[in-house]
Each structure stands twice: as structure tokens, then as C-alpha cells.
Amino acid sequence: MIRAVIFDMDGVLVEAKDWHYEALNQALRLFGHEISRDEHLTTYDGLPTSTKLEMLTSQRGLPAGLHKFINEMKQIYTMELVHTQCKPLFVHEYALSKLKAGGYRLAVASNSIKNTVVMMMMYTHLDQYLDFMLSNEDVQRPKPFPDIYAKAIEDLGLKPHECLVVEDNDNGVRAATAAGAHVLVVREVADVNLENIMARIKKIDAGEADA
């Protein structure tokens, strides 16, 4: 029986994929580099900035000595977008409030850094419903490794089969599956609604998890 729902953040609770893409490119352009939108969606989606920079170093020769500065600038640009564009969505507030009232434990497990996670959840007013928030700073290995979901499950004091993870990209799905949790795959933030979440929970609780 499902007792908790763990949410990814970017592309799930916040439509922030383009924000991260734009902020990283803004920082990369300072040094003549750029990631195309196709590469962003097919190769880099869901990965932490540090991993993206390592990939750019190995594949395109981005100097490793620039990583720290580019990462810092990317976070600054991201927060500028958060402050101006991150807003509450009724569909999410309604879903999380109803889940909370129904006795489900709720958490966020994101590949973003802690400050970004905390600020986005505050700006969307979803922090009040969460038991806790995890970021890539809380584990040694980010998604697609299962560490962050394994930690979330452990911190909830539950078993993997008692948890449903809501994810939108392959790296996150691999991480959740490897951690032993059930998964609800969504395409966009609008899919993260009470009806879809409860329909998935009911199938799992009825023994129809793969139906």
C-alpha cells in the first residue's frame, strides 16, 4: 500500500526546465560555449549542473577550471528567473493539500541544489505540505543513481514499495526504479494533478501497478 508520494521538482512541480537551460547557456556564452535545445532535452535533461559541465569538458574541451565560476553564474541567473517567474499553481496546491489531508507523507527529491529547491518550493507555496526536501547536495551521487530516492525512502521510514515517485525524465525514472519505488511518469506539470496521482495509487494498491 502506498503511504508516501515523492516528487521530482523541475518539470514536475515547477516548469523550470527552460529556466535551467537558459541560465546555463547564459553562463556558458561568457566563454563561447552553448548547449542546443535538442541536446538539452535528449542528453542533459534532469542532470545536475556539475555533471553537465563535466560532460562539456570531456566532449567539447570546456576548461575544467571554469566549472566553479560557470556554476556560480548559472545559479545567479537561475535565481533571477525564480524570483520573477516562479508562482503557485492551484492544481498542485490542491493535489498536495488533499494528499496531505488523506494521510500521505510528501517529499521532494531534486537534482537541483538546496537553495534552488527551497526557494522554488517557497515561491510555489508547496513547502507547507512537504515533510522534507532533498537536493543533489544531500547525496554523493545524483540521479540517474538511486541515492536520492533511497535516502528519501529511508528518511520517511518506509519501504520502497510503499512509495510512489512522480518523475518526468529518464534519468529520474531510472533512479526511482533502481531505488525500488513505484513510478508515475508525467509529461508536463499539468499532468501532476490529484486525479492522476490517485489513479496510479489505486492501481498499485489493487495489485495492478503495471496495468
C-alpha atoms as a PDB file:
ATOM      1  CA  MET A   1       0.000   0.000   0.000  1.00  0.00           C
ATOM      2  CA  ILE A   2       1.286   3.462  -0.933  1.00  0.00           C
ATOM      3  CA  ARG A   3       1.965   5.647   2.086  1.00  0.00           C
ATOM      4  CA  ALA A   4       4.085   8.420   0.572  1.00  0.00           C
ATOM      5  CA  VAL A   5       4.497  10.393  -2.641  1.00  0.00           C
ATOM      6  CA  ILE A   6       7.946  11.722  -3.557  1.00  0.00           C
ATOM      7  CA  PHE A   7       8.082  14.392  -6.241  1.00  0.00           C
ATOM      8  CA  ASP A   8      10.856  15.402  -8.569  1.00  0.00           C
ATOM      9  CA  MET A   9      10.780  19.184  -8.933  1.00  0.00           C
ATOM     10  CA  ASP A  10      11.832  20.553 -12.342  1.00  0.00           C
ATOM     11  CA  GLY A  11       9.235  19.644 -14.944  1.00  0.00           C
ATOM     12  CA  VAL A  12       7.027  18.109 -12.248  1.00  0.00           C
ATOM     13  CA  LEU A  13       6.135  20.727  -9.629  1.00  0.00           C
ATOM     14  CA  VAL A  14       7.783  23.664 -11.378  1.00  0.00           C
ATOM     15  CA  GLU A  15       8.032  24.331 -15.116  1.00  0.00           C
ATOM     16  CA  ALA A  16      11.702  25.178 -14.704  1.00  0.00           C
ATOM     17  CA  LYS A  17      13.415  23.137 -17.409  1.00  0.00           C
ATOM     18  CA  ASP A  18      13.728  26.148 -19.687  1.00  0.00           C
ATOM     19  CA  TRP A  19      14.945  28.276 -16.786  1.00  0.00           C
ATOM     20  CA  HIS A  20      17.865  25.937 -16.148  1.00  0.00           C
ATOM     21  CA  TYR A  21      18.570  25.709 -19.874  1.00  0.00           C
ATOM     22  CA  GLU A  22      18.541  29.468 -20.340  1.00  0.00           C
ATOM     23  CA  ALA A  23      20.564  30.181 -17.187  1.00  0.00           C
ATOM     24  CA  LEU A  24      23.261  27.641 -18.023  1.00  0.00           C
ATOM     25  CA  ASN A  25      23.587  28.898 -21.597  1.00  0.00           C
ATOM     26  CA  GLN A  26      23.796  32.464 -20.338  1.00  0.00           C
ATOM     27  CA  ALA A  27      26.764  31.436 -18.194  1.00  0.00           C
ATOM     28  CA  LEU A  28      28.358  29.270 -20.915  1.00  0.00           C
ATOM     29  CA  ARG A  29      28.150  32.042 -23.510  1.00  0.00           C
ATOM     30  CA  LEU A  30      30.547  34.086 -21.388  1.00  0.00           C
ATOM     31  CA  PHE A  31      33.181  31.612 -22.627  1.00  0.00           C
ATOM     32  CA  GLY A  32      31.877  30.900 -26.124  1.00  0.00           C
ATOM     33  CA  HIS A  33      30.011  27.681 -25.353  1.00  0.00           C
ATOM     34  CA  GLU A  34      26.353  26.756 -25.693  1.00  0.00           C
ATOM     35  CA  ILE A  35      24.019  23.753 -25.435  1.00  0.00           C
ATOM     36  CA  SER A  36      21.347  23.381 -28.120  1.00  0.00           C
ATOM     37  CA  ARG A  37      17.734  22.808 -27.109  1.00  0.00           C
ATOM     38  CA  ASP A  38      17.802  19.352 -28.675  1.00  0.00           C
ATOM     39  CA  GLU A  39      20.892  18.404 -26.654  1.00  0.00           C
ATOM     40  CA  HIS A  40      19.261  19.801 -23.535  1.00  0.00           C
ATOM     41  CA  LEU A  41      16.180  17.616 -23.977  1.00  0.00           C
ATOM     42  CA  THR A  42      17.881  14.427 -25.152  1.00  0.00           C
ATOM     43  CA  THR A  43      21.194  14.391 -23.284  1.00  0.00           C
ATOM     44  CA  TYR A  44      21.302  16.812 -20.359  1.00  0.00           C
ATOM     45  CA  ASP A  45      17.715  16.785 -19.066  1.00  0.00           C
ATOM     46  CA  GLY A  46      17.477  16.075 -15.352  1.00  0.00           C
ATOM     47  CA  LEU A  47      21.223  16.118 -14.693  1.00  0.00           C
ATOM     48  CA  PRO A  48      22.824  18.486 -12.154  1.00  0.00           C
ATOM     49  CA  THR A  49      24.838  21.407 -13.499  1.00  0.00           C
ATOM     50  CA  SER A  50      28.126  19.937 -12.264  1.00  0.00           C
ATOM     51  CA  THR A  51      27.528  16.787 -14.319  1.00  0.00           C
ATOM     52  CA  LYS A  52      26.618  18.825 -17.402  1.00  0.00           C
ATOM     53  CA  LEU A  53      29.856  20.790 -17.085  1.00  0.00           C
ATOM     54  CA  GLU A  54      31.903  17.601 -16.714  1.00  0.00           C
ATOM     55  CA  MET A  55      30.293  16.274 -19.886  1.00  0.00           C
ATOM     56  CA  LEU A  56      31.080  19.501 -21.733  1.00  0.00           C
ATOM     57  CA  THR A  57      34.700  19.237 -20.628  1.00  0.00           C
ATOM     58  CA  SER A  58      35.078  15.643 -21.811  1.00  0.00           C
ATOM     59  CA  GLN A  59      33.136  16.126 -25.042  1.00  0.00           C
ATOM     60  CA  ARG A  60      33.930  19.697 -26.087  1.00  0.00           C
ATOM     61  CA  GLY A  61      37.011  20.714 -24.173  1.00  0.00           C
ATOM     62  CA  LEU A  62      35.417  23.206 -21.794  1.00  0.00           C
ATOM     63  CA  PRO A  63      38.273  24.048 -19.377  1.00  0.00           C
ATOM     64  CA  ALA A  64      37.643  22.322 -16.038  1.00  0.00           C
ATOM     65  CA  GLY A  65      38.990  25.376 -14.246  1.00  0.00           C
ATOM     66  CA  LEU A  66      35.896  27.304 -15.357  1.00  0.00           C
ATOM     67  CA  HIS A  67      33.408  24.908 -13.757  1.00  0.00           C
ATOM     68  CA  LYS A  68      33.149  26.690 -10.408  1.00  0.00           C
ATOM     69  CA  PHE A  69      32.640  30.141 -11.908  1.00  0.00           C
ATOM     70  CA  ILE A  70      30.150  28.934 -14.553  1.00  0.00           C
ATOM     71  CA  ASN A  71      28.199  27.018 -11.914  1.00  0.00           C
ATOM     72  CA  GLU A  72      28.054  30.073  -9.660  1.00  0.00           C
ATOM     73  CA  MET A  73      26.895  32.323 -12.507  1.00  0.00           C
ATOM     74  CA  LYS A  74      24.325  29.752 -13.581  1.00  0.00           C
ATOM     75  CA  GLN A  75      22.844  29.703 -10.067  1.00  0.00           C
ATOM     76  CA  ILE A  76      22.667  33.511 -10.032  1.00  0.00           C
ATOM     77  CA  TYR A  77      20.869  33.580 -13.389  1.00  0.00           C
ATOM     78  CA  THR A  78      18.538  30.760 -12.250  1.00  0.00           C
ATOM     79  CA  MET A  79      17.541  32.618  -9.088  1.00  0.00           C
ATOM     80  CA  GLU A  80      16.767  35.745 -11.128  1.00  0.00           C
ATOM     81  CA  LEU A  81      14.295  33.651 -13.133  1.00  0.00           C
ATOM     82  CA  VAL A  82      12.862  32.052  -9.977  1.00  0.00           C
ATOM     83  CA  HIS A  83      12.200  35.455  -8.416  1.00  0.00           C
ATOM     84  CA  THR A  84      10.361  36.716 -11.491  1.00  0.00           C
ATOM     85  CA  GLN A  85       8.638  33.608 -12.877  1.00  0.00           C
ATOM     86  CA  CYS A  86       8.095  31.042 -10.106  1.00  0.00           C
ATOM     87  CA  LYS A  87       4.466  31.212  -8.980  1.00  0.00           C
ATOM     88  CA  PRO A  88       1.884  28.967  -7.268  1.00  0.00           C
ATOM     89  CA  LEU A  89      -0.276  26.672  -9.363  1.00  0.00           C
ATOM     90  CA  PHE A  90      -3.696  25.833  -7.961  1.00  0.00           C
ATOM     91  CA  VAL A  91      -3.627  22.307  -9.436  1.00  0.00           C
ATOM     92  CA  HIS A  92      -0.520  21.486  -7.385  1.00  0.00           C
ATOM     93  CA  GLU A  93      -1.612  23.201  -4.187  1.00  0.00           C
ATOM     94  CA  TYR A  94      -4.922  21.351  -4.392  1.00  0.00           C
ATOM     95  CA  ALA A  95      -3.290  17.973  -5.079  1.00  0.00           C
ATOM     96  CA  LEU A  96      -0.702  18.216  -2.301  1.00  0.00           C
ATOM     97  CA  SER A  97      -3.166  19.586   0.247  1.00  0.00           C
ATOM     98  CA  LYS A  98      -5.604  16.742  -0.453  1.00  0.00           C
ATOM     99  CA  LEU A  99      -2.845  14.124  -0.346  1.00  0.00           C
ATOM    100  CA  LYS A 100      -1.606  15.536   2.947  1.00  0.00           C
ATOM    101  CA  ALA A 101      -5.118  15.575   4.379  1.00  0.00           C
ATOM    102  CA  GLY A 102      -5.510  11.973   3.226  1.00  0.00           C
ATOM    103  CA  GLY A 103      -2.585  10.902   5.385  1.00  0.00           C
ATOM    104  CA  TYR A 104       0.096  10.562   2.712  1.00  0.00           C
ATOM    105  CA  ARG A 105       3.655  11.618   3.503  1.00  0.00           C
ATOM    106  CA  LEU A 106       5.054  14.047   0.918  1.00  0.00           C
ATOM    107  CA  ALA A 107       8.617  14.933  -0.086  1.00  0.00           C
ATOM    108  CA  VAL A 108      10.643  16.463  -2.900  1.00  0.00           C
ATOM    109  CA  ALA A 109      13.844  14.888  -4.254  1.00  0.00           C
ATOM    110  CA  SER A 110      15.534  17.063  -6.852  1.00  0.00           C
ATOM    111  CA  ASN A 111      18.810  17.127  -8.751  1.00  0.00           C
ATOM    112  CA  SER A 112      18.922  20.888  -8.191  1.00  0.00           C
ATOM    113  CA  ILE A 113      20.986  22.475  -5.417  1.00  0.00           C
ATOM    114  CA  LYS A 114      19.406  23.012  -1.993  1.00  0.00           C
ATOM    115  CA  ASN A 115      18.891  26.765  -2.270  1.00  0.00           C
ATOM    116  CA  THR A 116      17.052  26.402  -5.587  1.00  0.00           C
ATOM    117  CA  VAL A 117      14.788  23.668  -4.207  1.00  0.00           C
ATOM    118  CA  VAL A 118      13.925  25.628  -1.067  1.00  0.00           C
ATOM    119  CA  MET A 119      13.241  28.857  -2.956  1.00  0.00           C
ATOM    120  CA  MET A 120      11.104  27.227  -5.658  1.00  0.00           C
ATOM    121  CA  MET A 121       9.015  25.359  -3.106  1.00  0.00           C
ATOM    122  CA  MET A 122       8.567  28.557  -1.107  1.00  0.00           C
ATOM    123  CA  TYR A 123       7.550  30.603  -4.162  1.00  0.00           C
ATOM    124  CA  THR A 124       5.052  27.927  -5.240  1.00  0.00           C
ATOM    125  CA  HIS A 125       3.655  27.698  -1.674  1.00  0.00           C
ATOM    126  CA  LEU A 126       4.186  23.926  -1.709  1.00  0.00           C
ATOM    127  CA  ASP A 127       6.731  23.842   1.120  1.00  0.00           C
ATOM    128  CA  GLN A 128       3.919  23.845   3.710  1.00  0.00           C
ATOM    129  CA  TYR A 129       2.764  20.398   2.562  1.00  0.00           C
ATOM    130  CA  LEU A 130       6.159  18.697   2.454  1.00  0.00           C
ATOM    131  CA  ASP A 131       7.729  16.551   5.156  1.00  0.00           C
ATOM    132  CA  PHE A 132      11.146  17.465   3.756  1.00  0.00           C
ATOM    133  CA  MET A 133      13.092  18.428   0.622  1.00  0.00           C
ATOM    134  CA  LEU A 134      16.227  16.726  -0.702  1.00  0.00           C
ATOM    135  CA  SER A 135      18.696  18.193  -3.193  1.00  0.00           C
ATOM    136  CA  ASN A 136      21.779  16.913  -5.004  1.00  0.00           C
ATOM    137  CA  GLU A 137      23.777  18.260  -2.053  1.00  0.00           C
ATOM    138  CA  ASP A 138      22.211  15.654   0.232  1.00  0.00           C
ATOM    139  CA  VAL A 139      23.704  12.646  -1.603  1.00  0.00           C
ATOM    140  CA  GLN A 140      27.036  11.670  -3.080  1.00  0.00           C
ATOM    141  CA  ARG A 141      25.636  10.575  -6.432  1.00  0.00           C
ATOM    142  CA  PRO A 142      22.803  12.443  -8.225  1.00  0.00           C
ATOM    143  CA  LYS A 143      20.160  10.910 -10.470  1.00  0.00           C
ATOM    144  CA  PRO A 144      20.263   8.654 -12.502  1.00  0.00           C
ATOM    145  CA  PHE A 145      21.819   6.933  -9.474  1.00  0.00           C
ATOM    146  CA  PRO A 146      19.167   5.836  -6.947  1.00  0.00           C
ATOM    147  CA  ASP A 147      20.788   7.531  -3.934  1.00  0.00           C
ATOM    148  CA  ILE A 148      18.402  10.459  -3.520  1.00  0.00           C
ATOM    149  CA  TYR A 149      15.279   8.316  -3.697  1.00  0.00           C
ATOM    150  CA  ALA A 150      16.808   5.682  -1.445  1.00  0.00           C
ATOM    151  CA  LYS A 151      17.548   8.430   1.093  1.00  0.00           C
ATOM    152  CA  ALA A 152      14.050   9.892   0.782  1.00  0.00           C
ATOM    153  CA  ILE A 153      12.506   6.477   1.421  1.00  0.00           C
ATOM    154  CA  GLU A 154      14.808   5.908   4.391  1.00  0.00           C
ATOM    155  CA  ASP A 155      14.068   9.363   5.831  1.00  0.00           C
ATOM    156  CA  LEU A 156      10.345   8.650   5.514  1.00  0.00           C
ATOM    157  CA  GLY A 157      10.864   5.456   7.492  1.00  0.00           C
ATOM    158  CA  LEU A 158       9.116   3.436   4.806  1.00  0.00           C
ATOM    159  CA  LYS A 159       9.803   0.558   2.430  1.00  0.00           C
ATOM    160  CA  PRO A 160      10.363   1.231  -1.291  1.00  0.00           C
ATOM    161  CA  HIS A 161       7.115  -0.471  -2.299  1.00  0.00           C
ATOM    162  CA  GLU A 162       5.218   1.940  -0.037  1.00  0.00           C
ATOM    163  CA  CYS A 163       6.400   4.960  -2.025  1.00  0.00           C
ATOM    164  CA  LEU A 164       5.274   6.480  -5.313  1.00  0.00           C
ATOM    165  CA  VAL A 165       7.726   8.719  -7.172  1.00  0.00           C
ATOM    166  CA  VAL A 166       6.450  11.307  -9.658  1.00  0.00           C
ATOM    167  CA  GLU A 167       9.032  11.873 -12.416  1.00  0.00           C
ATOM    168  CA  ASP A 168       9.205  13.390 -15.878  1.00  0.00           C
ATOM    169  CA  ASN A 169      12.546  12.287 -17.373  1.00  0.00           C
ATOM    170  CA  ASP A 170      14.500   9.099 -17.996  1.00  0.00           C
ATOM    171  CA  ASN A 171      17.279   9.867 -15.517  1.00  0.00           C
ATOM    172  CA  GLY A 172      14.784  10.327 -12.710  1.00  0.00           C
ATOM    173  CA  VAL A 173      12.752   7.277 -13.675  1.00  0.00           C
ATOM    174  CA  ARG A 174      15.901   5.138 -13.655  1.00  0.00           C
ATOM    175  CA  ALA A 175      16.820   6.472 -10.222  1.00  0.00           C
ATOM    176  CA  ALA A 176      13.374   5.823  -8.753  1.00  0.00           C
ATOM    177  CA  THR A 177      13.116   2.350 -10.275  1.00  0.00           C
ATOM    178  CA  ALA A 178      16.579   1.395  -9.033  1.00  0.00           C
ATOM    179  CA  ALA A 179      15.543   2.533  -5.546  1.00  0.00           C
ATOM    180  CA  GLY A 180      12.639   0.077  -5.702  1.00  0.00           C
ATOM    181  CA  ALA A 181       9.827   2.635  -5.701  1.00  0.00           C
ATOM    182  CA  HIS A 182       6.730   2.742  -7.854  1.00  0.00           C
ATOM    183  CA  VAL A 183       6.745   5.484 -10.505  1.00  0.00           C
ATOM    184  CA  LEU A 184       4.202   7.801 -12.084  1.00  0.00           C
ATOM    185  CA  VAL A 185       5.698   9.246 -15.274  1.00  0.00           C
ATOM    186  CA  VAL A 186       4.334  12.632 -16.332  1.00  0.00           C
ATOM    187  CA  ARG A 187       4.964  14.647 -19.480  1.00  0.00           C
ATOM    188  CA  GLU A 188       4.349  18.122 -18.086  1.00  0.00           C
ATOM    189  CA  VAL A 189       3.467  19.915 -14.861  1.00  0.00           C
ATOM    190  CA  ALA A 190      -0.256  19.882 -15.732  1.00  0.00           C
ATOM    191  CA  ASP A 191      -0.195  16.073 -15.514  1.00  0.00           C
ATOM    192  CA  VAL A 192       0.719  16.354 -11.831  1.00  0.00           C
ATOM    193  CA  ASN A 193      -2.818  16.537 -10.508  1.00  0.00           C
ATOM    194  CA  LEU A 194      -4.805  14.742  -7.830  1.00  0.00           C
ATOM    195  CA  GLU A 195      -6.765  12.630 -10.309  1.00  0.00           C
ATOM    196  CA  ASN A 196      -3.667  11.173 -11.986  1.00  0.00           C
ATOM    197  CA  ILE A 197      -1.817  10.589  -8.722  1.00  0.00           C
ATOM    198  CA  MET A 198      -4.757   8.877  -7.033  1.00  0.00           C
ATOM    199  CA  ALA A 199      -5.475   6.757 -10.119  1.00  0.00           C
ATOM    200  CA  ARG A 200      -1.893   5.452 -10.002  1.00  0.00           C
ATOM    201  CA  ILE A 201      -2.054   4.847  -6.255  1.00  0.00           C
ATOM    202  CA  LYS A 202      -5.319   2.916  -6.588  1.00  0.00           C
ATOM    203  CA  LYS A 203      -3.826   0.668  -9.290  1.00  0.00           C
ATOM    204  CA  ILE A 204      -0.773  -0.045  -7.179  1.00  0.00           C
ATOM    205  CA  ASP A 205      -2.835  -0.728  -4.061  1.00  0.00           C
ATOM    206  CA  ALA A 206      -5.053  -3.065  -6.095  1.00  0.00           C
ATOM    207  CA  GLY A 207      -2.027  -5.014  -7.306  1.00  0.00           C
ATOM    208  CA  GLU A 208      -2.266  -3.562 -10.816  1.00  0.00           C
ATOM    209  CA  ALA A 209       0.926  -1.494 -10.681  1.00  0.00           C
ATOM    210  CA  ASP A 210       1.933  -2.295 -14.245  1.00  0.00           C
ATOM    211  CA  ALA A 211      -1.546  -2.067 -15.742  1.00  0.00           C
END
